Amino acid sequence: MIIDKIENAHLYNGLGKRIEKAFEYIKNTELENINPGKYEIEGENIFALISEYKTKSESEGKLEAHRKYIDVQYVISGEELMGYSPLGNPAFAEATAGRQQILEPYKEENDIVFFTGEKSFTKVSSGMFAIFFPEDVHMPGINTGKISEVKKLVIKVRIN
């Protein structure tokens, strides 16, 4: 997991061309004016999802992880807490995964598996991003003690 401000994105270009392309999209798109929806960047290898929502309580959130994609989550406006825990078993093959328990089995069509378990939270505000790799269990969209209106971009970056 990486959390930083967008002005430091250049520090992470060594993570690969697709991550670099994701940051180029963030920097070169008028995100404040874009409508919620799915936007193709490089076919199914890199695509953007824009959403607008109100943050929720921790009890309403679910820890999640992905097998095929890295999440680059960029907060366009608002603020939220993002929960994180390292995954003990990146293949999700077992019923337990380190400090998490599988809540719902892996869904191939959505590339997602849900967990319960330990986590720590970091506040992510407008202009900040988080990168979650397959070994990073995460819980985005949690309120900071007060409900916030959030507009967020999630860029899905295929691993292989």
Protein backbone atom coordinates (compact mmCIF):
# COMPACT_ATOMS: atom_id res chain seq x y z
CA MET A 1 0.00 0.00 0.00
CA ILE A 2 1.13 3.51 -0.82
CA ILE A 3 -0.57 6.73 0.28
CA ASP A 4 0.71 10.10 -0.91
CA LYS A 5 -0.19 13.44 -2.49
CA ILE A 6 -0.65 13.60 -6.25
CA GLU A 7 2.24 16.04 -6.65
CA ASN A 8 4.53 13.16 -5.58
CA ALA A 9 3.15 10.70 -8.15
CA HIS A 10 6.35 10.88 -10.21
CA LEU A 11 8.13 9.05 -7.37
CA TYR A 12 6.14 5.90 -8.19
CA ASN A 13 6.65 5.70 -11.96
CA GLY A 14 9.15 2.90 -11.34
CA LEU A 15 6.19 0.67 -10.47
CA GLY A 16 5.55 0.21 -14.19
CA LYS A 17 4.22 1.80 -17.35
CA ARG A 18 0.61 1.11 -16.45
CA ILE A 19 0.88 2.88 -13.10
CA GLU A 20 2.62 5.76 -14.89
CA LYS A 21 -0.26 5.88 -17.39
CA ALA A 22 -2.78 5.94 -14.51
CA PHE A 23 -1.05 8.99 -13.02
CA GLU A 24 -0.97 10.69 -16.43
CA TYR A 25 -4.74 10.20 -16.63
CA ILE A 26 -5.19 11.79 -13.19
CA LYS A 27 -3.03 14.78 -14.10
CA ASN A 28 -4.43 15.32 -17.61
CA THR A 29 -8.16 14.87 -16.99
CA GLU A 30 -10.52 17.54 -15.65
CA LEU A 31 -11.75 15.20 -12.93
CA GLU A 32 -13.92 17.81 -11.22
CA ASN A 33 -16.07 18.00 -14.37
CA ILE A 34 -16.25 14.32 -15.28
CA ASN A 35 -19.48 12.39 -14.60
CA PRO A 36 -19.62 9.17 -12.59
CA GLY A 37 -19.07 6.08 -14.71
CA LYS A 38 -16.47 3.84 -16.32
CA TYR A 39 -13.83 5.30 -18.65
CA GLU A 40 -11.49 3.25 -20.79
CA ILE A 41 -7.82 4.21 -20.69
CA GLU A 42 -6.17 1.12 -22.19
CA GLY A 43 -8.96 -1.38 -22.72
CA GLU A 44 -9.37 -3.80 -19.81
CA ASN A 45 -5.70 -3.31 -18.87
CA ILE A 46 -6.33 0.16 -17.42
CA PHE A 47 -9.71 1.75 -16.82
CA ALA A 48 -11.14 4.46 -14.61
CA LEU A 49 -14.21 4.38 -12.38
CA ILE A 50 -15.60 7.71 -11.16
CA SER A 51 -17.99 7.62 -8.21
CA GLU A 52 -19.72 10.08 -5.91
CA TYR A 53 -20.98 8.99 -2.49
CA LYS A 54 -21.34 9.82 1.17
CA THR A 55 -18.85 8.20 3.50
CA LYS A 56 -20.16 5.47 5.78
CA SER A 57 -19.44 4.15 9.26
CA GLU A 58 -16.82 1.46 9.77
CA SER A 59 -19.58 -1.04 10.65
CA GLU A 60 -21.04 -0.57 7.15
CA GLY A 61 -17.71 -1.12 5.39
CA LYS A 62 -16.13 -4.33 4.13
CA LEU A 63 -12.48 -5.19 3.78
CA GLU A 64 -11.73 -6.16 0.18
CA ALA A 65 -8.87 -7.36 -1.99
CA HIS A 66 -8.33 -8.09 -5.68
CA ARG A 67 -6.35 -10.68 -7.63
CA LYS A 68 -6.12 -9.25 -11.16
CA TYR A 69 -5.95 -5.50 -10.61
CA ILE A 70 -4.08 -2.89 -8.61
CA ASP A 71 -6.31 -0.06 -7.34
CA VAL A 72 -5.09 3.51 -7.70
CA GLN A 73 -7.67 5.43 -5.65
CA TYR A 74 -7.59 9.22 -6.00
CA VAL A 75 -9.83 11.49 -3.93
CA ILE A 76 -11.04 14.30 -6.19
CA SER A 77 -13.05 16.05 -3.46
CA GLY A 78 -14.00 15.33 0.12
CA GLU A 79 -12.19 13.13 2.60
CA GLU A 80 -12.45 9.60 3.90
CA LEU A 81 -10.69 7.02 5.99
CA MET A 82 -9.19 4.08 4.15
CA GLY A 83 -8.63 0.93 6.15
CA TYR A 84 -5.68 -1.34 5.44
CA SER A 85 -4.28 -4.68 6.46
CA PRO A 86 -1.60 -6.80 4.79
CA LEU A 87 -2.99 -10.02 3.36
CA GLY A 88 -1.42 -13.22 4.63
CA ASN A 89 -2.37 -15.29 1.57
CA PRO A 90 -2.40 -13.46 -1.79
CA ALA A 91 -3.89 -16.47 -3.59
CA PHE A 92 -7.01 -16.42 -1.32
CA ALA A 93 -6.97 -20.21 -1.53
CA GLU A 94 -7.44 -20.84 2.17
CA ALA A 95 -10.34 -19.98 4.45
CA THR A 96 -8.05 -17.77 6.51
CA ALA A 97 -5.68 -15.14 5.25
CA GLY A 98 -3.25 -13.98 7.91
CA ARG A 99 -5.09 -11.50 10.13
CA GLN A 100 -8.32 -11.69 8.11
CA GLN A 101 -11.15 -14.14 7.75
CA ILE A 102 -12.83 -14.55 4.36
CA LEU A 103 -16.34 -13.12 4.58
CA GLU A 104 -17.48 -13.88 1.02
CA PRO A 105 -15.65 -16.05 -1.53
CA TYR A 106 -13.72 -14.54 -4.43
CA LYS A 107 -15.92 -13.34 -7.29
CA GLU A 108 -14.05 -13.75 -10.57
CA GLU A 109 -16.42 -11.48 -12.55
CA ASN A 110 -15.82 -8.53 -10.17
CA ASP A 111 -12.25 -9.47 -9.15
CA ILE A 112 -13.10 -9.08 -5.47
CA VAL A 113 -13.05 -11.00 -2.23
CA PHE A 114 -14.38 -9.66 1.09
CA PHE A 115 -12.86 -10.16 4.52
CA THR A 116 -13.41 -9.40 8.17
CA GLY A 117 -10.51 -8.73 10.48
CA GLU A 118 -7.96 -6.30 11.79
CA LYS A 119 -7.19 -3.05 10.02
CA SER A 120 -5.75 0.39 10.59
CA PHE A 121 -7.09 3.61 9.09
CA THR A 122 -5.49 6.56 7.32
CA LYS A 123 -7.27 9.78 6.38
CA VAL A 124 -7.14 10.48 2.63
CA SER A 125 -8.24 13.94 1.48
CA SER A 126 -8.74 15.75 -1.79
CA GLY A 127 -5.55 15.61 -3.89
CA MET A 128 -4.28 12.41 -2.27
CA PHE A 129 -4.09 8.88 -3.66
CA ALA A 130 -3.70 5.35 -2.37
CA ILE A 131 -2.33 2.38 -4.29
CA PHE A 132 -3.58 -1.02 -3.18
CA PHE A 133 -1.83 -4.13 -4.50
CA PRO A 134 -3.34 -7.66 -4.41
CA GLU A 135 -1.71 -8.30 -1.04
CA ASP A 136 -3.33 -5.16 0.42
CA VAL A 137 -6.72 -5.71 2.02
CA HIS A 138 -8.49 -2.35 2.11
CA MET A 139 -11.71 -0.69 3.27
CA PRO A 140 -12.31 2.66 1.54
CA GLY A 141 -15.18 5.12 1.98
CA ILE A 142 -15.27 5.33 5.78
CA ASN A 143 -16.21 8.61 7.45
CA THR A 144 -13.75 10.58 9.56
CA GLY A 145 -16.22 11.11 12.39
CA LYS A 146 -18.46 13.17 10.17
CA ILE A 147 -20.11 12.20 6.90
CA SER A 148 -18.36 13.63 3.85
CA GLU A 149 -19.49 13.94 0.22
CA VAL A 150 -16.71 12.29 -1.78
CA LYS A 151 -15.95 12.26 -5.47
CA LYS A 152 -13.35 9.62 -6.18
CA LEU A 153 -11.50 8.11 -9.10
CA VAL A 154 -10.41 4.47 -8.93
CA ILE A 155 -8.11 3.40 -11.71
CA LYS A 156 -7.94 -0.37 -12.12
CA VAL A 157 -4.52 -1.45 -13.38
CA ARG A 158 -4.23 -5.05 -14.62
CA ILE A 159 -1.29 -6.88 -13.11
CA ASN A 160 -0.19 -9.03 -16.06
